[in-house]
Amino acid sequence: MTSQGGAVLPIPERAMLPIPERVRTLAATASVAKLSVDGAPSPARGGVDERGRPVLLVLPGEPLHGLGLRADAVVAVNLTTMRQLGDVTHPRGLIEVQGWAEAVPEEEARAAAVAVAAHSADESLFEALERFGERGAPRLLRVDVGQVVYLTGQESGVLDADDYLGSRPDPLAEIAERVLAHVNSSHRVQLTAGVTRQLGETPGDVWLWELDRFGATVRVDESLVRFPWPTPAKSGLCLETALRGLLCTC
């Protein structure tokens, strides 16, 4: 939501990342929190590949290890992405990818292992690569996406596979995260002053919550306030320049 003179107003769509892009952006750095196979819980360890598909490390004895005998296994993978604000960790988004488990092709196994290792540095990953295809070895699987259920901030809904897989993460996401972390660690006084000027009132606890090419979202106490840029940022330099406009109290 945006704020004007104390009133809360809807955020124009043009001031936000398109929903498929936003969900893909969150998924790109999300961790696998939960896995269910045919509705039953199963051990979960994994990450997300460059197309947004969950990739899983499955050990012998686990339900998905016998995928060759169960090619129709229906899975749901819950992804979570968090935001550390001071000493408190808050959920940024919850994503459930629903679909079917399939084996990662051997030529893509190393990339899949890297995606898993980014969130779960399990030594079994080495065995999964060195013994790839052996019956009793750990396996690398991925999800053939059917649909994606998301809950992020004030938005929730369902994306079909084409919309989700056809989108890419925000190209400025990596830069935005570095800038956001720097502001929250070193410039919260300026951020609070800038938000005070924008809202016309003194806020409470202020943190930079999200940053993208269309604007910044600030967490003010328990509320999220959106500040759109006059024009979308096209580069990291443009993004930093736009953010200075919010931080500047002159």
Protein backbone atom coordinates (compact mmCIF):
# COMPACT_ATOMS: atom_id res chain seq x y z
CA MET A 1 0.00 0.00 0.00
CA THR A 2 1.05 3.60 -0.51
CA SER A 3 0.36 6.36 1.98
CA GLN A 4 -0.75 9.94 1.35
CA GLY A 5 -1.60 12.36 4.13
CA GLY A 6 -2.16 9.45 6.52
CA ALA A 7 -4.58 7.68 4.16
CA VAL A 8 -3.74 4.24 2.82
CA LEU A 9 -4.24 3.85 -0.92
CA PRO A 10 -4.04 0.88 -3.31
CA ILE A 11 -0.70 0.46 -5.07
CA PRO A 12 -0.95 1.03 -8.85
CA GLU A 13 -0.02 -2.14 -10.73
CA ARG A 14 2.67 -0.29 -12.66
CA ALA A 15 4.42 0.46 -9.33
CA MET A 16 5.00 -3.23 -8.58
CA LEU A 17 6.81 -6.12 -10.19
CA PRO A 18 4.33 -8.23 -12.19
CA ILE A 19 3.16 -11.09 -9.96
CA PRO A 20 4.86 -13.90 -11.96
CA GLU A 21 8.14 -11.99 -11.90
CA ARG A 22 7.80 -11.25 -8.19
CA VAL A 23 7.15 -14.89 -7.35
CA ARG A 24 10.09 -16.01 -9.52
CA THR A 25 12.30 -13.42 -7.79
CA LEU A 26 11.36 -14.78 -4.37
CA ALA A 27 11.75 -18.39 -5.50
CA ALA A 28 15.25 -17.73 -6.85
CA THR A 29 16.67 -17.44 -3.31
CA ALA A 30 14.11 -19.56 -1.43
CA SER A 31 14.83 -22.62 0.66
CA VAL A 32 12.90 -25.88 0.58
CA ALA A 33 10.97 -25.99 3.85
CA LYS A 34 8.59 -28.91 3.32
CA LEU A 35 8.00 -31.73 0.86
CA SER A 36 4.97 -33.95 0.49
CA VAL A 37 4.71 -36.99 -1.81
CA ASP A 38 1.18 -38.06 -2.76
CA GLY A 39 -0.02 -36.01 0.23
CA ALA A 40 2.33 -37.59 2.78
CA PRO A 41 5.25 -35.69 4.34
CA SER A 42 8.75 -36.63 3.23
CA PRO A 43 12.26 -35.45 4.20
CA ALA A 44 13.07 -32.20 2.40
CA ARG A 45 16.42 -30.85 1.29
CA GLY A 46 16.93 -28.86 -1.88
CA GLY A 47 16.95 -25.56 -3.73
CA VAL A 48 15.64 -23.98 -6.92
CA ASP A 49 17.21 -24.21 -10.38
CA GLU A 50 17.64 -21.38 -12.90
CA ARG A 51 14.13 -21.97 -14.31
CA GLY A 52 12.46 -21.78 -10.90
CA ARG A 53 11.93 -25.54 -10.53
CA PRO A 54 12.60 -27.05 -7.09
CA VAL A 55 15.48 -29.55 -7.14
CA LEU A 56 15.72 -32.19 -4.43
CA LEU A 57 18.37 -34.42 -2.95
CA VAL A 58 16.70 -37.75 -2.15
CA LEU A 59 18.41 -40.44 -0.09
CA PRO A 60 17.94 -44.22 -0.24
CA GLY A 61 14.89 -45.32 1.74
CA GLU A 62 12.98 -42.09 1.22
CA PRO A 63 9.64 -42.20 -0.67
CA LEU A 64 10.92 -40.47 -3.82
CA HIS A 65 14.05 -42.61 -4.12
CA GLY A 66 12.10 -45.26 -5.99
CA LEU A 67 10.91 -42.79 -8.60
CA GLY A 68 11.70 -45.21 -11.40
CA LEU A 69 8.85 -47.35 -10.11
CA ARG A 70 6.63 -44.33 -9.42
CA ALA A 71 6.94 -42.02 -12.40
CA ASP A 72 3.56 -40.47 -11.55
CA ALA A 73 4.54 -39.33 -8.05
CA VAL A 74 2.67 -36.12 -7.21
CA VAL A 75 4.70 -33.74 -5.07
CA ALA A 76 4.22 -30.39 -3.38
CA VAL A 77 7.32 -28.43 -2.39
CA ASN A 78 6.99 -25.55 0.05
CA LEU A 79 9.54 -22.78 -0.45
CA THR A 80 10.19 -20.01 2.04
CA THR A 81 12.17 -16.82 1.71
CA MET A 82 13.03 -14.76 4.78
CA ARG A 83 14.14 -11.24 5.67
CA GLN A 84 16.51 -10.59 8.58
CA LEU A 85 15.74 -7.26 10.26
CA GLY A 86 18.08 -6.72 13.17
CA ASP A 87 17.79 -9.78 15.39
CA VAL A 88 14.40 -10.87 14.04
CA THR A 89 13.73 -13.01 10.97
CA HIS A 90 10.47 -12.42 9.09
CA PRO A 91 8.91 -14.43 6.23
CA ARG A 92 8.93 -12.51 2.93
CA GLY A 93 7.02 -15.08 0.95
CA LEU A 94 5.60 -18.58 1.03
CA ILE A 95 5.46 -20.51 -2.23
CA GLU A 96 4.10 -24.00 -2.87
CA VAL A 97 5.16 -25.58 -6.14
CA GLN A 98 2.85 -28.44 -7.09
CA GLY A 99 3.65 -30.95 -9.81
CA TRP A 100 5.38 -34.25 -10.55
CA ALA A 101 8.81 -35.50 -9.57
CA GLU A 102 11.23 -36.40 -12.33
CA ALA A 103 14.87 -37.39 -12.46
CA VAL A 104 17.42 -34.70 -13.27
CA PRO A 105 19.22 -35.62 -16.54
CA GLU A 106 22.86 -36.55 -16.04
CA GLU A 107 24.11 -33.57 -18.07
CA GLU A 108 22.24 -31.22 -15.70
CA ALA A 109 23.14 -33.02 -12.47
CA ARG A 110 26.06 -30.80 -11.46
CA ALA A 111 24.02 -27.60 -11.83
CA ALA A 112 21.21 -29.20 -9.81
CA ALA A 113 23.69 -30.19 -7.09
CA VAL A 114 24.97 -26.61 -6.91
CA ALA A 115 21.39 -25.34 -6.50
CA VAL A 116 20.82 -27.77 -3.63
CA ALA A 117 24.18 -26.98 -2.01
CA ALA A 118 23.30 -23.28 -1.85
CA HIS A 119 20.77 -24.15 0.87
CA SER A 120 21.76 -27.61 2.08
CA ALA A 121 25.46 -28.48 1.93
CA ASP A 122 24.89 -32.22 2.31
CA GLU A 123 27.89 -34.50 1.67
CA SER A 124 25.51 -36.90 -0.10
CA LEU A 125 25.57 -34.48 -3.05
CA PHE A 126 29.08 -35.70 -3.94
CA GLU A 127 27.87 -39.29 -3.87
CA ALA A 128 24.83 -38.39 -5.98
CA LEU A 129 27.19 -37.07 -8.68
CA GLU A 130 29.94 -39.68 -8.42
CA ARG A 131 27.50 -42.60 -8.40
CA PHE A 132 24.91 -41.03 -10.70
CA GLY A 133 22.41 -43.59 -11.94
CA GLU A 134 23.44 -46.36 -9.54
CA ARG A 135 20.52 -48.08 -7.86
CA GLY A 136 21.53 -47.44 -4.25
CA ALA A 137 22.99 -43.95 -4.68
CA PRO A 138 21.38 -40.68 -3.53
CA ARG A 139 19.32 -39.14 -6.33
CA LEU A 140 18.78 -35.66 -7.70
CA LEU A 141 15.18 -34.97 -8.69
CA ARG A 142 13.27 -31.90 -9.80
CA VAL A 143 9.65 -30.86 -10.04
CA ASP A 144 7.80 -30.79 -13.34
CA VAL A 145 5.69 -27.75 -12.39
CA GLY A 146 1.91 -27.97 -12.59
CA GLN A 147 0.95 -24.83 -10.68
CA VAL A 148 2.34 -22.49 -8.04
CA VAL A 149 0.45 -21.20 -5.00
CA TYR A 150 1.93 -18.04 -3.46
CA LEU A 151 1.48 -15.82 -0.41
CA THR A 152 3.63 -12.73 -0.33
CA GLY A 153 2.96 -9.59 1.69
CA GLN A 154 -0.62 -8.60 0.97
CA GLU A 155 -0.97 -10.77 -2.14
CA SER A 156 -1.92 -14.40 -2.65
CA GLY A 157 -3.04 -16.49 -5.58
CA VAL A 158 -2.20 -19.27 -8.02
CA LEU A 159 0.03 -19.20 -11.11
CA ASP A 160 -0.14 -21.81 -13.83
CA ALA A 161 3.06 -23.43 -15.02
CA ASP A 162 3.33 -21.34 -18.20
CA ASP A 163 3.10 -18.01 -16.33
CA TYR A 164 5.57 -19.10 -13.68
CA LEU A 165 8.15 -20.77 -15.90
CA GLY A 166 7.77 -18.08 -18.59
CA SER A 167 8.89 -15.35 -16.18
CA ARG A 168 12.36 -14.43 -14.97
CA PRO A 169 13.52 -12.95 -11.66
CA ASP A 170 13.92 -9.19 -11.48
CA PRO A 171 17.23 -8.50 -13.29
CA LEU A 172 18.19 -6.03 -10.55
CA ALA A 173 17.39 -8.42 -7.68
CA GLU A 174 21.00 -9.24 -6.75
CA ILE A 175 22.04 -5.58 -6.69
CA ALA A 176 18.84 -4.64 -4.85
CA GLU A 177 19.55 -7.13 -2.06
CA ARG A 178 23.06 -5.76 -1.54
CA VAL A 179 21.79 -2.17 -1.43
CA LEU A 180 18.94 -3.11 0.90
CA ALA A 181 21.30 -4.84 3.33
CA HIS A 182 23.62 -1.82 3.34
CA VAL A 183 20.79 0.63 4.03
CA ASN A 184 19.39 -1.48 6.86
CA SER A 185 22.81 -1.89 8.47
CA SER A 186 24.15 1.66 8.03
CA HIS A 187 21.47 4.17 7.00
CA ARG A 188 18.30 3.53 8.99
CA VAL A 189 18.45 7.04 10.47
CA GLN A 190 18.29 8.54 6.97
CA LEU A 191 15.61 6.03 5.96
CA THR A 192 13.46 6.96 8.95
CA ALA A 193 13.88 10.67 8.20
CA GLY A 194 12.94 10.16 4.56
CA VAL A 195 9.87 8.10 5.41
CA THR A 196 8.84 10.74 7.98
CA ARG A 197 9.03 13.40 5.28
CA GLN A 198 7.00 11.28 2.85
CA LEU A 199 4.28 10.31 5.34
CA GLY A 200 4.04 13.65 7.10
CA GLU A 201 4.23 11.94 10.48
CA THR A 202 6.88 10.33 12.63
CA PRO A 203 6.88 6.55 12.15
CA GLY A 204 8.01 3.95 14.63
CA ASP A 205 10.40 1.14 13.74
CA VAL A 206 11.47 1.55 10.08
CA TRP A 207 13.26 -0.97 7.86
CA LEU A 208 13.74 -1.30 4.13
CA TRP A 209 11.74 -4.42 3.26
CA GLU A 210 11.83 -4.80 -0.53
CA LEU A 211 13.67 -3.00 -3.31
CA ASP A 212 13.14 -3.45 -7.04
CA ARG A 213 13.18 -1.49 -10.27
CA PHE A 214 9.66 -0.12 -9.69
CA GLY A 215 10.04 1.13 -6.12
CA ALA A 216 10.82 0.43 -2.48
CA THR A 217 8.68 -1.18 0.19
CA VAL A 218 9.35 -0.05 3.74
CA ARG A 219 8.28 -1.90 6.87
CA VAL A 220 6.92 0.67 9.33
CA ASP A 221 6.20 -1.10 12.62
CA GLU A 222 3.92 -3.94 11.43
CA SER A 223 2.78 -2.29 8.17
CA LEU A 224 4.28 -2.29 4.67
CA VAL A 225 4.35 1.03 2.83
CA ARG A 226 5.21 1.23 -0.88
CA PHE A 227 7.13 4.13 -2.42
CA PRO A 228 7.06 3.90 -6.26
CA TRP A 229 9.84 5.45 -8.34
CA PRO A 230 8.84 8.21 -10.82
CA THR A 231 10.19 5.94 -13.59
CA PRO A 232 11.40 2.32 -13.40
CA ALA A 233 15.11 1.86 -12.70
CA LYS A 234 17.01 0.30 -15.59
CA SER A 235 20.34 -0.30 -13.86
CA GLY A 236 21.92 -0.63 -10.45
CA LEU A 237 23.03 3.01 -10.63
CA CYS A 238 19.48 4.13 -11.44
CA LEU A 239 18.19 2.06 -8.52
CA GLU A 240 20.61 3.68 -6.08
CA THR A 241 19.77 7.14 -7.43
CA ALA A 242 16.04 6.52 -6.98
CA LEU A 243 16.57 5.28 -3.43
CA ARG A 244 18.57 8.40 -2.55
CA GLY A 245 15.45 10.39 -3.38
CA LEU A 246 13.66 8.55 -0.58
CA LEU A 247 16.54 8.84 1.89
CA CYS A 248 17.20 12.53 1.24
CA THR A 249 15.47 14.78 3.76
CA CYS A 250 16.19 18.06 1.98
